[in-house]
Structure formats: structure tokens, C-alpha cells
Amino acid sequence: MSKKENLEPDLNQLFTIIDESGEEGIHLGDILKKLGKDGHDSDVVLALQDDLFELSERGYIHREIIQKRFERGVLTQIKWFAVGKGESVSNGVFIGMMPG
């Protein structure tokens, strides 16, 4: 995909960050860091979540809830992907062993 001409500048910047994350996707905290935003400010986080929802509703991005099962427990992550990327994890479940 790449930049979308019909998006407002803030949404275009957000989409670009997510698109550049490729097949790995990106966590909310990493998005905040790349935007230079304060992740401890609830107003900032809520505004970002609104923007993510808008991009999702427009069909530019999607999120995956990924669970990695380890011998000692489960790690759950939410990652954002540009549409067309990340479908390899669409079932949201990875099973593996904790690194030694």
C-alpha cells in the first residue's frame, strides 16, 4: 500500500508507521514512540485509539490478537498491521517454547 492521498496528514502519518512495520506488525506503545507521543497521557492514548479505529473502519489497517504459549504461561499481544500484511497470523495463536 504506502501513503494514501485521501487521508488527513495525521492519519496518513499513522498509516505509514503501521505499513512500514510490515509482516511483523506494531504494538500501540511502539506507535506512540514513533509519533513522539506520551504514552502515559490518557488523552493522547485515547486520541490515538480513535485514529486507529478510523483507519480500521476505512479498511486500511487491521489488528491481530496474538497469543504465544510457553511452558510457563501465555503471552498475549495486540499488534496493528496494514491490510494485506499479517494475514499469516490471522488465527492469532502461536505455540512455541520459551527461549532457553
N, C-alpha and C. Protein backbone atom coordinates (compact mmCIF):
# COMPACT_ATOMS: atom_id res chain seq x y z
N MET A 1 0.83 -1.18 0.00
CA MET A 1 0.00 0.00 0.00
C MET A 1 0.87 1.24 0.00
N SER A 2 1.30 1.84 0.94
CA SER A 2 2.02 3.11 1.04
C SER A 2 1.04 4.22 1.34
N LYS A 3 1.49 5.45 1.19
CA LYS A 3 0.67 6.60 1.60
C LYS A 3 -0.65 6.66 0.83
N LYS A 4 -1.67 7.10 1.52
CA LYS A 4 -2.99 7.26 0.92
C LYS A 4 -3.27 8.74 0.77
N GLU A 5 -3.55 9.14 -0.44
CA GLU A 5 -3.75 10.56 -0.74
C GLU A 5 -5.00 11.15 -0.09
N ASN A 6 -6.02 10.33 0.14
CA ASN A 6 -7.27 10.85 0.67
C ASN A 6 -7.32 10.89 2.19
N LEU A 7 -6.22 10.58 2.86
CA LEU A 7 -6.18 10.63 4.32
C LEU A 7 -5.66 11.97 4.80
N GLU A 8 -6.19 12.42 5.93
CA GLU A 8 -5.67 13.63 6.56
C GLU A 8 -4.21 13.38 6.95
N PRO A 9 -3.39 14.43 7.07
CA PRO A 9 -1.96 14.25 7.36
C PRO A 9 -1.68 13.38 8.59
N ASP A 10 -2.42 13.57 9.68
CA ASP A 10 -2.17 12.76 10.89
C ASP A 10 -2.47 11.29 10.65
N LEU A 11 -3.56 11.01 9.97
CA LEU A 11 -3.92 9.62 9.68
C LEU A 11 -2.95 9.01 8.68
N ASN A 12 -2.49 9.81 7.72
CA ASN A 12 -1.53 9.33 6.74
C ASN A 12 -0.22 8.96 7.43
N GLN A 13 0.22 9.79 8.37
CA GLN A 13 1.45 9.51 9.12
C GLN A 13 1.29 8.21 9.92
N LEU A 14 0.16 8.06 10.57
CA LEU A 14 -0.11 6.85 11.36
C LEU A 14 -0.14 5.62 10.45
N PHE A 15 -0.82 5.72 9.32
CA PHE A 15 -0.87 4.60 8.39
C PHE A 15 0.54 4.23 7.91
N THR A 16 1.35 5.22 7.60
CA THR A 16 2.71 4.97 7.12
C THR A 16 3.52 4.19 8.16
N ILE A 17 3.40 4.57 9.43
CA ILE A 17 4.11 3.87 10.50
C ILE A 17 3.68 2.40 10.56
N ILE A 18 2.39 2.17 10.47
CA ILE A 18 1.87 0.80 10.52
C ILE A 18 2.28 0.02 9.28
N ASP A 19 2.19 0.64 8.12
CA ASP A 19 2.56 -0.01 6.86
C ASP A 19 4.04 -0.40 6.86
N GLU A 20 4.89 0.47 7.38
CA GLU A 20 6.33 0.20 7.40
C GLU A 20 6.69 -0.92 8.37
N SER A 21 5.80 -1.27 9.28
CA SER A 21 6.08 -2.36 10.22
C SER A 21 6.02 -3.72 9.53
N GLY A 22 5.46 -3.75 8.34
CA GLY A 22 5.45 -4.97 7.52
C GLY A 22 4.69 -6.12 8.15
N GLU A 23 5.20 -7.32 7.90
CA GLU A 23 4.56 -8.55 8.38
C GLU A 23 4.67 -8.71 9.89
N GLU A 24 5.58 -7.97 10.52
CA GLU A 24 5.76 -8.07 11.97
C GLU A 24 4.67 -7.35 12.74
N GLY A 25 4.05 -6.35 12.12
CA GLY A 25 3.05 -5.55 12.82
C GLY A 25 3.71 -4.64 13.85
N ILE A 26 2.89 -3.89 14.58
CA ILE A 26 3.44 -2.94 15.54
C ILE A 26 2.49 -2.81 16.73
N HIS A 27 3.08 -2.71 17.92
CA HIS A 27 2.32 -2.53 19.16
C HIS A 27 1.94 -1.06 19.33
N LEU A 28 0.91 -0.82 20.11
CA LEU A 28 0.47 0.54 20.41
C LEU A 28 1.60 1.38 21.02
N GLY A 29 2.35 0.80 21.95
CA GLY A 29 3.46 1.53 22.58
C GLY A 29 4.52 1.96 21.59
N ASP A 30 4.81 1.10 20.62
CA ASP A 30 5.80 1.44 19.60
C ASP A 30 5.28 2.53 18.66
N ILE A 31 3.98 2.52 18.39
CA ILE A 31 3.39 3.58 17.57
C ILE A 31 3.55 4.91 18.29
N LEU A 32 3.24 4.93 19.59
CA LEU A 32 3.37 6.15 20.38
C LEU A 32 4.81 6.68 20.34
N LYS A 33 5.78 5.78 20.48
CA LYS A 33 7.19 6.19 20.44
C LYS A 33 7.55 6.80 19.09
N LYS A 34 7.14 6.16 18.01
CA LYS A 34 7.46 6.67 16.67
C LYS A 34 6.81 8.03 16.40
N LEU A 35 5.65 8.26 17.01
CA LEU A 35 4.97 9.55 16.86
C LEU A 35 5.51 10.59 17.83
N GLY A 36 6.34 10.16 18.79
CA GLY A 36 6.88 11.08 19.79
C GLY A 36 5.82 11.53 20.78
N LYS A 37 4.85 10.64 21.06
CA LYS A 37 3.74 10.97 21.96
C LYS A 37 3.98 10.35 23.33
N ASP A 38 3.35 10.94 24.34
CA ASP A 38 3.45 10.47 25.72
C ASP A 38 2.44 9.35 25.95
N GLY A 39 2.92 8.14 26.13
CA GLY A 39 2.05 7.00 26.36
C GLY A 39 1.42 6.98 27.73
N HIS A 40 1.83 7.89 28.62
CA HIS A 40 1.26 7.96 29.96
C HIS A 40 0.10 8.95 30.03
N ASP A 41 -0.13 9.70 28.96
CA ASP A 41 -1.21 10.68 28.90
C ASP A 41 -2.44 10.00 28.30
N SER A 42 -3.45 9.79 29.13
CA SER A 42 -4.63 9.04 28.67
C SER A 42 -5.33 9.72 27.51
N ASP A 43 -5.32 11.05 27.45
CA ASP A 43 -5.96 11.75 26.33
C ASP A 43 -5.25 11.44 25.01
N VAL A 44 -3.92 11.36 25.06
CA VAL A 44 -3.12 11.04 23.87
C VAL A 44 -3.42 9.61 23.42
N VAL A 45 -3.44 8.69 24.36
CA VAL A 45 -3.69 7.29 24.03
C VAL A 45 -5.09 7.11 23.45
N LEU A 46 -6.08 7.75 24.06
CA LEU A 46 -7.45 7.65 23.55
C LEU A 46 -7.59 8.25 22.16
N ALA A 47 -6.93 9.38 21.92
CA ALA A 47 -6.97 10.00 20.59
C ALA A 47 -6.33 9.08 19.55
N LEU A 48 -5.22 8.44 19.91
CA LEU A 48 -4.56 7.51 19.00
C LEU A 48 -5.46 6.31 18.73
N GLN A 49 -6.11 5.80 19.75
CA GLN A 49 -7.01 4.67 19.55
C GLN A 49 -8.18 5.05 18.64
N ASP A 50 -8.66 6.28 18.76
CA ASP A 50 -9.71 6.75 17.85
C ASP A 50 -9.21 6.77 16.41
N ASP A 51 -7.97 7.24 16.21
CA ASP A 51 -7.39 7.26 14.87
C ASP A 51 -7.21 5.84 14.32
N LEU A 52 -6.75 4.92 15.18
CA LEU A 52 -6.60 3.53 14.75
C LEU A 52 -7.95 2.94 14.35
N PHE A 53 -8.98 3.24 15.13
CA PHE A 53 -10.32 2.76 14.81
C PHE A 53 -10.78 3.32 13.46
N GLU A 54 -10.52 4.61 13.23
CA GLU A 54 -10.93 5.22 11.97
C GLU A 54 -10.23 4.57 10.78
N LEU A 55 -8.91 4.35 10.89
CA LEU A 55 -8.18 3.68 9.81
C LEU A 55 -8.70 2.26 9.59
N SER A 56 -9.04 1.60 10.67
CA SER A 56 -9.58 0.25 10.58
C SER A 56 -10.95 0.26 9.89
N GLU A 57 -11.80 1.18 10.28
CA GLU A 57 -13.12 1.29 9.67
C GLU A 57 -13.04 1.61 8.18
N ARG A 58 -12.03 2.38 7.79
CA ARG A 58 -11.85 2.73 6.37
C ARG A 58 -11.21 1.60 5.58
N GLY A 59 -10.76 0.55 6.28
CA GLY A 59 -10.21 -0.61 5.60
C GLY A 59 -8.72 -0.54 5.31
N TYR A 60 -7.99 0.35 5.97
CA TYR A 60 -6.55 0.48 5.72
C TYR A 60 -5.71 -0.42 6.62
N ILE A 61 -6.20 -0.70 7.84
CA ILE A 61 -5.42 -1.47 8.80
C ILE A 61 -6.32 -2.50 9.47
N HIS A 62 -5.69 -3.45 10.14
CA HIS A 62 -6.42 -4.41 10.98
C HIS A 62 -5.53 -4.75 12.16
N ARG A 63 -6.15 -5.28 13.19
CA ARG A 63 -5.36 -5.68 14.35
C ARG A 63 -5.48 -7.17 14.54
N GLU A 64 -4.46 -7.73 15.14
CA GLU A 64 -4.44 -9.15 15.45
C GLU A 64 -4.14 -9.30 16.94
N ILE A 65 -4.84 -10.20 17.57
CA ILE A 65 -4.54 -10.56 18.95
C ILE A 65 -3.76 -11.86 18.87
N ILE A 66 -2.52 -11.81 19.29
CA ILE A 66 -1.60 -12.92 19.11
C ILE A 66 -1.27 -13.50 20.48
N GLN A 67 -1.44 -14.79 20.62
CA GLN A 67 -1.08 -15.47 21.86
C GLN A 67 0.08 -16.40 21.59
N LYS A 68 1.10 -16.27 22.40
CA LYS A 68 2.23 -17.18 22.33
C LYS A 68 2.21 -18.01 23.60
N ARG A 69 2.11 -19.30 23.44
CA ARG A 69 2.06 -20.19 24.60
C ARG A 69 3.47 -20.70 24.87
N PHE A 70 3.85 -20.59 26.12
CA PHE A 70 5.15 -21.05 26.57
C PHE A 70 4.94 -22.08 27.67
N GLU A 71 6.00 -22.75 28.00
CA GLU A 71 5.96 -23.73 29.07
C GLU A 71 5.47 -23.11 30.37
N ARG A 72 5.80 -21.85 30.60
CA ARG A 72 5.47 -21.18 31.86
C ARG A 72 4.26 -20.27 31.79
N GLY A 73 3.56 -20.23 30.68
CA GLY A 73 2.39 -19.37 30.60
C GLY A 73 2.07 -18.93 29.18
N VAL A 74 1.30 -17.86 29.09
CA VAL A 74 0.84 -17.34 27.81
C VAL A 74 1.15 -15.86 27.73
N LEU A 75 1.67 -15.42 26.59
CA LEU A 75 1.91 -14.01 26.33
C LEU A 75 0.91 -13.58 25.27
N THR A 76 0.10 -12.57 25.60
CA THR A 76 -0.89 -12.06 24.65
C THR A 76 -0.45 -10.69 24.18
N GLN A 77 -0.46 -10.48 22.88
CA GLN A 77 -0.06 -9.21 22.28
C GLN A 77 -1.14 -8.74 21.31
N ILE A 78 -1.31 -7.44 21.23
CA ILE A 78 -2.17 -6.85 20.20
C ILE A 78 -1.26 -6.07 19.28
N LYS A 79 -1.30 -6.40 18.00
CA LYS A 79 -0.48 -5.72 17.01
C LYS A 79 -1.36 -5.18 15.89
N TRP A 80 -0.90 -4.10 15.29
CA TRP A 80 -1.61 -3.48 14.16
C TRP A 80 -0.84 -3.75 12.88
N PHE A 81 -1.57 -4.03 11.81
CA PHE A 81 -0.99 -4.34 10.50
C PHE A 81 -1.70 -3.54 9.43
N ALA A 82 -0.97 -3.19 8.37
CA ALA A 82 -1.61 -2.64 7.18
C ALA A 82 -2.37 -3.78 6.52
N VAL A 83 -3.48 -3.48 5.87
CA VAL A 83 -4.24 -4.51 5.18
C VAL A 83 -3.34 -5.18 4.15
N GLY A 84 -3.43 -6.49 4.08
CA GLY A 84 -2.58 -7.25 3.17
C GLY A 84 -1.32 -7.75 3.84
N LYS A 85 -1.11 -7.35 5.08
CA LYS A 85 0.07 -7.81 5.83
C LYS A 85 -0.42 -8.43 7.13
N GLY A 86 0.30 -9.44 7.56
CA GLY A 86 -0.04 -10.06 8.83
C GLY A 86 -1.10 -11.14 8.76
N GLU A 87 -1.62 -11.41 7.57
CA GLU A 87 -2.64 -12.45 7.48
C GLU A 87 -2.09 -13.82 7.85
N SER A 88 -0.79 -13.97 7.81
CA SER A 88 -0.20 -15.25 8.18
C SER A 88 -0.45 -15.57 9.65
N VAL A 89 -0.84 -14.58 10.43
CA VAL A 89 -1.13 -14.80 11.85
C VAL A 89 -2.61 -14.61 12.13
N SER A 90 -3.44 -14.74 11.12
CA SER A 90 -4.86 -14.42 11.30
C SER A 90 -5.56 -15.29 12.32
N ASN A 91 -5.06 -16.49 12.58
CA ASN A 91 -5.70 -17.28 13.61
C ASN A 91 -5.30 -16.80 15.00
N GLY A 92 -4.27 -15.97 15.09
CA GLY A 92 -3.90 -15.33 16.34
C GLY A 92 -3.23 -16.22 17.36
N VAL A 93 -2.87 -17.44 17.01
CA VAL A 93 -2.30 -18.32 18.01
C VAL A 93 -0.97 -18.88 17.51
N PHE A 94 0.05 -18.69 18.31
CA PHE A 94 1.34 -19.31 18.06
C PHE A 94 1.64 -20.22 19.25
N ILE A 95 2.17 -21.36 18.98
CA ILE A 95 2.55 -22.25 20.07
C ILE A 95 4.04 -22.52 19.93
N GLY A 96 4.78 -22.29 20.99
CA GLY A 96 6.21 -22.48 20.92
C GLY A 96 6.78 -22.69 22.31
N MET A 97 8.08 -22.75 22.39
CA MET A 97 8.74 -22.93 23.67
C MET A 97 9.45 -21.66 24.05
N MET A 98 9.55 -21.42 25.33
CA MET A 98 10.26 -20.25 25.81
C MET A 98 11.74 -20.42 25.53
N PRO A 99 12.39 -19.38 24.98
CA PRO A 99 13.82 -19.48 24.69
C PRO A 99 14.62 -19.77 25.96
N GLY A 100 15.65 -20.59 25.82
CA GLY A 100 16.46 -21.00 26.97
C GLY A 100 17.32 -19.93 27.41
